[in-house]
Amino acid sequence: MRRIRRLLLGFAFINVAFVLIARLVIRPRIPSFGGPEDDSVRLAAITDGIEFVSHAGALRDMEAIAIMGGIQVDLRNATLADGATLRITAAMGGVQVFVPEKWKVRVTSHVVAGGVDADVTPAEHLPPENPTLMVDVRAYMGGVEIKAQ
């Protein structure tokens, strides 16, 4: 019984240590910047959560970083610039992205013990002139969902 108690206390200590390191070391080094109207945005959810709705007139660059946290991004009210890119990193966290059905979305990913789900309109079903969003995903024990609505 004592061994089990020590084991559980050890796991609790490790968990608390990870959260403290994330909050005190990682969070100050990766600040969020940009607002709903900006064309370049970084969202960093380190042990917390962010809900973000973009109204950008020419969104060109967005980064979403979730480390032991979660981010929900709504891009349905944004307009894309040529070559628009969304970079997503999910480490023990999750990111959910909503895009308009008329956008072409191209996803590249590197996943370790995580997952990426892109439920978007196939590019071949859209006119060639429709805007394209390039999404680069890194998921490490985390998940990313991209959904067209």
N, C-alpha and C. Protein backbone atom coordinates (compact mmCIF):
# COMPACT_ATOMS: atom_id res chain seq x y z
N MET A 1 0.82 -1.20 0.00
CA MET A 1 0.00 0.00 0.00
C MET A 1 0.87 1.27 0.00
N ARG A 2 1.96 1.24 0.75
CA ARG A 2 2.85 2.41 0.80
C ARG A 2 3.52 2.64 -0.56
N ARG A 3 3.83 1.55 -1.24
CA ARG A 3 4.46 1.69 -2.56
C ARG A 3 3.52 2.37 -3.54
N ILE A 4 2.26 2.00 -3.49
CA ILE A 4 1.27 2.62 -4.37
C ILE A 4 1.12 4.10 -4.03
N ARG A 5 1.08 4.41 -2.76
CA ARG A 5 0.95 5.81 -2.33
C ARG A 5 2.16 6.62 -2.80
N ARG A 6 3.36 6.06 -2.65
CA ARG A 6 4.57 6.76 -3.10
C ARG A 6 4.56 6.96 -4.61
N LEU A 7 4.12 5.93 -5.33
CA LEU A 7 4.04 6.02 -6.78
C LEU A 7 3.07 7.12 -7.21
N LEU A 8 1.91 7.17 -6.60
CA LEU A 8 0.93 8.21 -6.92
C LEU A 8 1.45 9.60 -6.57
N LEU A 9 2.11 9.72 -5.44
CA LEU A 9 2.69 11.02 -5.07
C LEU A 9 3.79 11.43 -6.06
N GLY A 10 4.56 10.46 -6.52
CA GLY A 10 5.59 10.75 -7.51
C GLY A 10 4.99 11.26 -8.81
N PHE A 11 3.92 10.60 -9.29
CA PHE A 11 3.24 11.07 -10.50
C PHE A 11 2.66 12.47 -10.30
N ALA A 12 2.07 12.73 -9.15
CA ALA A 12 1.51 14.05 -8.87
C ALA A 12 2.63 15.11 -8.88
N PHE A 13 3.76 14.79 -8.28
CA PHE A 13 4.88 15.73 -8.25
C PHE A 13 5.37 16.04 -9.66
N ILE A 14 5.51 15.01 -10.50
CA ILE A 14 5.97 15.21 -11.88
C ILE A 14 4.98 16.09 -12.64
N ASN A 15 3.69 15.85 -12.45
CA ASN A 15 2.67 16.65 -13.13
C ASN A 15 2.77 18.12 -12.71
N VAL A 16 2.88 18.37 -11.42
CA VAL A 16 3.00 19.73 -10.92
C VAL A 16 4.28 20.39 -11.47
N ALA A 17 5.35 19.62 -11.53
CA ALA A 17 6.61 20.16 -12.05
C ALA A 17 6.46 20.57 -13.51
N PHE A 18 5.80 19.73 -14.34
CA PHE A 18 5.59 20.08 -15.75
C PHE A 18 4.77 21.36 -15.88
N VAL A 19 3.72 21.50 -15.11
CA VAL A 19 2.87 22.70 -15.18
C VAL A 19 3.66 23.93 -14.76
N LEU A 20 4.43 23.83 -13.69
CA LEU A 20 5.23 24.98 -13.24
C LEU A 20 6.27 25.37 -14.28
N ILE A 21 6.94 24.39 -14.87
CA ILE A 21 7.93 24.70 -15.91
C ILE A 21 7.25 25.39 -17.09
N ALA A 22 6.09 24.87 -17.50
CA ALA A 22 5.37 25.48 -18.62
C ALA A 22 4.98 26.92 -18.31
N ARG A 23 4.44 27.15 -17.12
CA ARG A 23 3.97 28.49 -16.76
C ARG A 23 5.12 29.48 -16.53
N LEU A 24 6.18 29.03 -15.87
CA LEU A 24 7.25 29.95 -15.49
C LEU A 24 8.35 30.10 -16.52
N VAL A 25 8.58 29.07 -17.32
CA VAL A 25 9.70 29.12 -18.27
C VAL A 25 9.21 29.30 -19.71
N ILE A 26 8.25 28.48 -20.13
CA ILE A 26 7.85 28.50 -21.54
C ILE A 26 6.93 29.68 -21.86
N ARG A 27 5.91 29.92 -21.02
CA ARG A 27 4.92 30.97 -21.32
C ARG A 27 5.55 32.35 -21.56
N PRO A 28 6.50 32.81 -20.74
CA PRO A 28 7.08 34.13 -21.00
C PRO A 28 7.88 34.21 -22.31
N ARG A 29 8.38 33.08 -22.81
CA ARG A 29 9.19 33.08 -24.02
C ARG A 29 8.36 33.01 -25.30
N ILE A 30 7.07 32.68 -25.19
CA ILE A 30 6.22 32.55 -26.38
C ILE A 30 4.96 33.41 -26.18
N PRO A 31 5.06 34.71 -26.35
CA PRO A 31 3.89 35.57 -26.13
C PRO A 31 2.93 35.54 -27.31
N SER A 32 1.66 35.75 -27.01
CA SER A 32 0.66 35.94 -28.06
C SER A 32 0.76 37.37 -28.57
N PHE A 33 0.41 37.57 -29.85
CA PHE A 33 0.31 38.93 -30.38
C PHE A 33 -0.71 38.97 -31.49
N GLY A 34 -1.21 40.16 -31.78
CA GLY A 34 -2.22 40.34 -32.82
C GLY A 34 -3.62 40.24 -32.27
N GLY A 35 -4.54 40.85 -32.99
CA GLY A 35 -5.94 40.86 -32.59
C GLY A 35 -6.84 40.39 -33.72
N PRO A 36 -8.15 40.45 -33.51
CA PRO A 36 -9.10 39.95 -34.50
C PRO A 36 -9.00 40.60 -35.88
N GLU A 37 -8.56 41.86 -35.96
CA GLU A 37 -8.47 42.57 -37.24
C GLU A 37 -7.09 42.44 -37.88
N ASP A 38 -6.11 41.90 -37.18
CA ASP A 38 -4.73 41.85 -37.68
C ASP A 38 -4.53 40.74 -38.70
N ASP A 39 -3.58 40.98 -39.63
CA ASP A 39 -3.27 40.03 -40.68
C ASP A 39 -2.16 39.04 -40.30
N SER A 40 -1.51 39.29 -39.16
CA SER A 40 -0.48 38.40 -38.63
C SER A 40 -0.76 38.22 -37.15
N VAL A 41 -0.92 36.96 -36.72
CA VAL A 41 -1.36 36.68 -35.35
C VAL A 41 -0.60 35.47 -34.81
N ARG A 42 -0.25 35.53 -33.52
CA ARG A 42 0.24 34.34 -32.81
C ARG A 42 -0.63 34.15 -31.57
N LEU A 43 -1.14 32.93 -31.43
CA LEU A 43 -1.91 32.56 -30.24
C LEU A 43 -1.13 31.50 -29.49
N ALA A 44 -0.84 31.77 -28.22
CA ALA A 44 -0.08 30.81 -27.41
C ALA A 44 -0.89 30.49 -26.15
N ALA A 45 -1.37 29.25 -26.08
CA ALA A 45 -2.12 28.79 -24.91
C ALA A 45 -1.22 27.80 -24.17
N ILE A 46 -0.56 28.30 -23.15
CA ILE A 46 0.34 27.48 -22.35
C ILE A 46 -0.36 27.23 -21.01
N THR A 47 -0.86 26.04 -20.82
CA THR A 47 -1.62 25.61 -19.65
C THR A 47 -2.90 26.43 -19.44
N ASP A 48 -3.47 26.94 -20.52
CA ASP A 48 -4.75 27.65 -20.42
C ASP A 48 -5.48 27.51 -21.76
N GLY A 49 -6.51 28.31 -21.98
CA GLY A 49 -7.28 28.20 -23.20
C GLY A 49 -7.52 29.55 -23.85
N ILE A 50 -7.70 29.53 -25.18
CA ILE A 50 -7.96 30.74 -25.95
C ILE A 50 -9.06 30.45 -26.96
N GLU A 51 -10.02 31.38 -27.06
CA GLU A 51 -11.00 31.37 -28.14
C GLU A 51 -10.75 32.63 -28.96
N PHE A 52 -10.59 32.47 -30.28
CA PHE A 52 -10.21 33.59 -31.13
C PHE A 52 -11.05 33.59 -32.39
N VAL A 53 -11.64 34.75 -32.72
CA VAL A 53 -12.42 34.92 -33.95
C VAL A 53 -11.72 36.00 -34.76
N SER A 54 -11.29 35.63 -35.98
CA SER A 54 -10.57 36.57 -36.84
C SER A 54 -11.54 37.28 -37.79
N HIS A 55 -11.30 38.58 -37.95
CA HIS A 55 -12.01 39.41 -38.93
C HIS A 55 -11.00 40.08 -39.86
N ALA A 56 -9.84 39.43 -40.05
CA ALA A 56 -8.75 40.02 -40.82
C ALA A 56 -9.17 40.27 -42.27
N GLY A 57 -8.71 41.39 -42.80
CA GLY A 57 -9.03 41.75 -44.18
C GLY A 57 -8.14 41.05 -45.19
N ALA A 58 -6.94 40.63 -44.76
CA ALA A 58 -6.00 39.92 -45.65
C ALA A 58 -5.08 39.06 -44.79
N LEU A 59 -5.65 38.06 -44.14
CA LEU A 59 -4.88 37.19 -43.25
C LEU A 59 -3.77 36.51 -44.03
N ARG A 60 -2.53 36.69 -43.57
CA ARG A 60 -1.41 36.10 -44.30
C ARG A 60 -0.61 35.12 -43.45
N ASP A 61 -0.63 35.31 -42.11
CA ASP A 61 0.22 34.48 -41.27
C ASP A 61 -0.42 34.33 -39.89
N MET A 62 -0.61 33.09 -39.48
CA MET A 62 -1.14 32.84 -38.14
C MET A 62 -0.42 31.64 -37.56
N GLU A 63 -0.14 31.73 -36.26
CA GLU A 63 0.49 30.64 -35.55
C GLU A 63 -0.33 30.35 -34.30
N ALA A 64 -0.62 29.06 -34.07
CA ALA A 64 -1.36 28.64 -32.88
C ALA A 64 -0.51 27.60 -32.15
N ILE A 65 -0.16 27.91 -30.90
CA ILE A 65 0.69 27.03 -30.09
C ILE A 65 -0.08 26.65 -28.83
N ALA A 66 -0.37 25.37 -28.68
CA ALA A 66 -1.08 24.88 -27.49
C ALA A 66 -0.20 23.87 -26.78
N ILE A 67 0.30 24.25 -25.62
CA ILE A 67 1.11 23.36 -24.79
C ILE A 67 0.35 23.15 -23.49
N MET A 68 -0.15 21.94 -23.31
CA MET A 68 -0.99 21.61 -22.16
C MET A 68 -2.14 22.61 -22.04
N GLY A 69 -2.67 23.02 -23.18
CA GLY A 69 -3.77 23.97 -23.24
C GLY A 69 -4.59 23.74 -24.49
N GLY A 70 -5.53 24.63 -24.75
CA GLY A 70 -6.39 24.47 -25.91
C GLY A 70 -6.67 25.79 -26.59
N ILE A 71 -6.84 25.73 -27.92
CA ILE A 71 -7.14 26.92 -28.71
C ILE A 71 -8.27 26.59 -29.67
N GLN A 72 -9.24 27.50 -29.75
CA GLN A 72 -10.29 27.41 -30.76
C GLN A 72 -10.18 28.66 -31.63
N VAL A 73 -9.99 28.46 -32.95
CA VAL A 73 -9.80 29.55 -33.89
C VAL A 73 -10.94 29.52 -34.91
N ASP A 74 -11.61 30.65 -35.07
CA ASP A 74 -12.69 30.77 -36.04
C ASP A 74 -12.24 31.73 -37.13
N LEU A 75 -12.01 31.20 -38.33
CA LEU A 75 -11.55 32.02 -39.45
C LEU A 75 -12.66 32.29 -40.46
N ARG A 76 -13.90 31.97 -40.13
CA ARG A 76 -15.00 32.10 -41.09
C ARG A 76 -15.31 33.53 -41.47
N ASN A 77 -14.89 34.51 -40.66
CA ASN A 77 -15.13 35.92 -40.98
C ASN A 77 -13.89 36.61 -41.53
N ALA A 78 -12.84 35.86 -41.79
CA ALA A 78 -11.58 36.43 -42.29
C ALA A 78 -11.51 36.29 -43.81
N THR A 79 -10.67 37.13 -44.41
CA THR A 79 -10.35 37.06 -45.83
C THR A 79 -8.88 36.70 -45.94
N LEU A 80 -8.55 35.78 -46.84
CA LEU A 80 -7.16 35.32 -46.98
C LEU A 80 -6.37 36.18 -47.95
N ALA A 81 -5.10 36.41 -47.62
CA ALA A 81 -4.13 36.98 -48.55
C ALA A 81 -3.55 35.83 -49.36
N ASP A 82 -2.93 36.14 -50.51
CA ASP A 82 -2.25 35.10 -51.29
C ASP A 82 -1.14 34.49 -50.43
N GLY A 83 -1.04 33.17 -50.46
CA GLY A 83 0.01 32.48 -49.71
C GLY A 83 -0.23 32.42 -48.22
N ALA A 84 -1.48 32.53 -47.77
CA ALA A 84 -1.78 32.51 -46.34
C ALA A 84 -1.37 31.19 -45.71
N THR A 85 -0.76 31.30 -44.53
CA THR A 85 -0.24 30.12 -43.84
C THR A 85 -0.70 30.11 -42.39
N LEU A 86 -1.08 28.93 -41.93
CA LEU A 86 -1.43 28.69 -40.52
C LEU A 86 -0.50 27.60 -40.01
N ARG A 87 0.29 27.93 -38.99
CA ARG A 87 1.19 26.96 -38.37
C ARG A 87 0.61 26.59 -37.01
N ILE A 88 0.46 25.29 -36.77
CA ILE A 88 -0.15 24.81 -35.53
C ILE A 88 0.82 23.86 -34.84
N THR A 89 1.02 24.10 -33.53
CA THR A 89 1.78 23.18 -32.69
C THR A 89 0.90 22.82 -31.51
N ALA A 90 0.67 21.51 -31.33
CA ALA A 90 -0.12 21.03 -30.21
C ALA A 90 0.70 19.99 -29.45
N ALA A 91 1.15 20.35 -28.25
CA ALA A 91 1.92 19.44 -27.41
C ALA A 91 1.13 19.20 -26.13
N MET A 92 0.60 18.01 -26.00
CA MET A 92 -0.26 17.67 -24.87
C MET A 92 -1.41 18.67 -24.76
N GLY A 93 -1.89 19.12 -25.90
CA GLY A 93 -2.98 20.08 -25.97
C GLY A 93 -3.75 19.89 -27.25
N GLY A 94 -4.67 20.80 -27.52
CA GLY A 94 -5.49 20.66 -28.72
C GLY A 94 -5.81 21.99 -29.36
N VAL A 95 -6.00 21.94 -30.69
CA VAL A 95 -6.36 23.12 -31.46
C VAL A 95 -7.51 22.74 -32.39
N GLN A 96 -8.54 23.58 -32.39
CA GLN A 96 -9.69 23.40 -33.27
C GLN A 96 -9.81 24.65 -34.13
N VAL A 97 -9.91 24.44 -35.46
CA VAL A 97 -9.95 25.55 -36.41
C VAL A 97 -11.20 25.41 -37.28
N PHE A 98 -11.96 26.50 -37.40
CA PHE A 98 -13.12 26.55 -38.29
C PHE A 98 -12.78 27.44 -39.47
N VAL A 99 -13.01 26.93 -40.69
CA VAL A 99 -12.76 27.68 -41.92
C VAL A 99 -14.03 27.69 -42.76
N PRO A 100 -14.17 28.66 -43.68
CA PRO A 100 -15.32 28.65 -44.59
C PRO A 100 -15.25 27.45 -45.54
N GLU A 101 -16.40 26.97 -45.96
CA GLU A 101 -16.46 25.81 -46.87
C GLU A 101 -15.85 26.12 -48.23
N LYS A 102 -15.81 27.40 -48.61
CA LYS A 102 -15.29 27.76 -49.94
C LYS A 102 -13.77 27.83 -50.01
N TRP A 103 -13.07 27.72 -48.88
CA TRP A 103 -11.61 27.76 -48.89
C TRP A 103 -11.04 26.39 -49.24
N LYS A 104 -9.96 26.41 -50.02
CA LYS A 104 -9.16 25.20 -50.22
C LYS A 104 -8.17 25.15 -49.05
N VAL A 105 -8.07 24.01 -48.43
CA VAL A 105 -7.17 23.85 -47.27
C VAL A 105 -6.20 22.71 -47.58
N ARG A 106 -4.92 23.03 -47.54
CA ARG A 106 -3.87 22.02 -47.76
C ARG A 106 -3.13 21.82 -46.44
N VAL A 107 -3.12 20.59 -45.96
CA VAL A 107 -2.55 20.28 -44.65
C VAL A 107 -1.32 19.40 -44.82
N THR A 108 -0.22 19.82 -44.16
CA THR A 108 0.95 18.96 -43.99
C THR A 108 1.10 18.76 -42.50
N SER A 109 1.56 17.58 -42.09
CA SER A 109 1.64 17.33 -40.66
C SER A 109 2.79 16.42 -40.28
N HIS A 110 3.21 16.60 -39.06
CA HIS A 110 4.17 15.72 -38.39
C HIS A 110 3.54 15.39 -37.05
N VAL A 111 3.20 14.13 -36.85
CA VAL A 111 2.44 13.74 -35.65
C VAL A 111 3.17 12.63 -34.91
N VAL A 112 3.30 12.80 -33.59
CA VAL A 112 3.84 11.77 -32.71
C VAL A 112 2.84 11.56 -31.58
N ALA A 113 2.22 10.40 -31.56
CA ALA A 113 1.25 10.04 -30.50
C ALA A 113 0.14 11.09 -30.39
N GLY A 114 -0.36 11.53 -31.52
CA GLY A 114 -1.44 12.51 -31.55
C GLY A 114 -2.27 12.30 -32.79
N GLY A 115 -3.01 13.32 -33.20
CA GLY A 115 -3.85 13.17 -34.38
C GLY A 115 -4.21 14.48 -35.03
N VAL A 116 -4.51 14.40 -36.34
CA VAL A 116 -4.96 15.54 -37.13
C VAL A 116 -6.18 15.10 -37.92
N ASP A 117 -7.26 15.86 -37.82
CA ASP A 117 -8.48 15.57 -38.57
C ASP A 117 -8.85 16.81 -39.38
N ALA A 118 -8.83 16.69 -40.70
CA ALA A 118 -9.18 17.80 -41.58
C ALA A 118 -10.48 17.45 -42.30
N ASP A 119 -11.58 17.99 -41.79
CA ASP A 119 -12.90 17.77 -42.38
C ASP A 119 -13.26 19.01 -43.19
N VAL A 120 -12.66 19.10 -44.39
CA VAL A 120 -12.81 20.28 -45.24
C VAL A 120 -13.32 19.86 -46.62
N THR A 121 -13.78 20.84 -47.39
CA THR A 121 -14.24 20.59 -48.75
C THR A 121 -13.05 20.17 -49.61
N PRO A 122 -13.15 19.04 -50.31
CA PRO A 122 -12.03 18.63 -51.18
C PRO A 122 -11.72 19.72 -52.23
N ALA A 123 -10.46 19.98 -52.46
CA ALA A 123 -10.03 21.05 -53.38
C ALA A 123 -10.57 20.83 -54.79
N GLU A 124 -10.71 19.58 -55.21
CA GLU A 124 -11.20 19.32 -56.57
C GLU A 124 -12.68 19.66 -56.73
N HIS A 125 -13.39 19.89 -55.64
CA HIS A 125 -14.80 20.29 -55.71
C HIS A 125 -14.97 21.81 -55.68
N LEU A 126 -13.87 22.54 -55.66
CA LEU A 126 -13.92 24.00 -55.57
C LEU A 126 -13.32 24.63 -56.82
N PRO A 127 -13.79 25.83 -57.20
CA PRO A 127 -13.19 26.53 -58.34
C PRO A 127 -11.72 26.86 -58.06
N PRO A 128 -10.89 26.87 -59.10
CA PRO A 128 -9.46 27.12 -58.90
C PRO A 128 -9.14 28.50 -58.33
N GLU A 129 -10.03 29.48 -58.54
CA GLU A 129 -9.76 30.83 -58.04
C GLU A 129 -10.06 31.01 -56.55
N ASN A 130 -10.66 30.02 -55.91
CA ASN A 130 -10.95 30.14 -54.48
C ASN A 130 -9.66 30.23 -53.67
N PRO A 131 -9.70 30.95 -52.53
CA PRO A 131 -8.48 31.12 -51.73
C PRO A 131 -8.01 29.80 -51.13
N THR A 132 -6.68 29.72 -50.94
CA THR A 132 -6.06 28.51 -50.37
C THR A 132 -5.36 28.87 -49.07
N LEU A 133 -5.61 28.06 -48.06
CA LEU A 133 -4.93 28.19 -46.77
C LEU A 133 -4.00 27.00 -46.62
N MET A 134 -2.71 27.30 -46.44
CA MET A 134 -1.71 26.26 -46.19
C MET A 134 -1.61 26.07 -44.68
N VAL A 135 -1.79 24.84 -44.21
CA VAL A 135 -1.75 24.54 -42.78
C VAL A 135 -0.61 23.56 -42.52
N ASP A 136 0.29 23.94 -41.62
CA ASP A 136 1.41 23.09 -41.22
C ASP A 136 1.19 22.70 -39.77
N VAL A 137 1.02 21.41 -39.50
CA VAL A 137 0.67 20.93 -38.16
C VAL A 137 1.82 20.12 -37.57
N ARG A 138 2.11 20.39 -36.31
CA ARG A 138 3.01 19.59 -35.49
C ARG A 138 2.21 19.19 -34.25
N ALA A 139 1.98 17.89 -34.07
CA ALA A 139 1.20 17.42 -32.93
C ALA A 139 2.00 16.36 -32.17
N TYR A 140 2.30 16.66 -30.93
CA TYR A 140 3.05 15.76 -30.06
C TYR A 140 2.16 15.44 -28.86
N MET A 141 1.58 14.27 -28.85
CA MET A 141 0.61 13.89 -27.82
C MET A 141 -0.50 14.93 -27.74
N GLY A 142 -0.89 15.47 -28.88
CA GLY A 142 -1.93 16.48 -28.95
C GLY A 142 -2.79 16.23 -30.18
N GLY A 143 -3.85 17.01 -30.29
CA GLY A 143 -4.77 16.82 -31.40
C GLY A 143 -5.12 18.13 -32.07
N VAL A 144 -5.39 18.03 -33.38
CA VAL A 144 -5.77 19.19 -34.18
C VAL A 144 -6.97 18.79 -35.05
N GLU A 145 -7.99 19.65 -35.04
CA GLU A 145 -9.15 19.45 -35.89
C GLU A 145 -9.35 20.69 -36.73
N ILE A 146 -9.49 20.50 -38.05
CA ILE A 146 -9.77 21.60 -38.97
C ILE A 146 -11.10 21.26 -39.62
N LYS A 147 -12.06 22.16 -39.47
CA LYS A 147 -13.43 21.85 -39.91
C LYS A 147 -13.99 22.99 -40.75
N ALA A 148 -14.54 22.63 -41.93
CA ALA A 148 -15.19 23.62 -42.79
C ALA A 148 -16.66 23.70 -42.40
N GLN A 149 -17.14 24.94 -42.24
CA GLN A 149 -18.55 25.17 -41.89
C GLN A 149 -19.07 26.36 -42.66
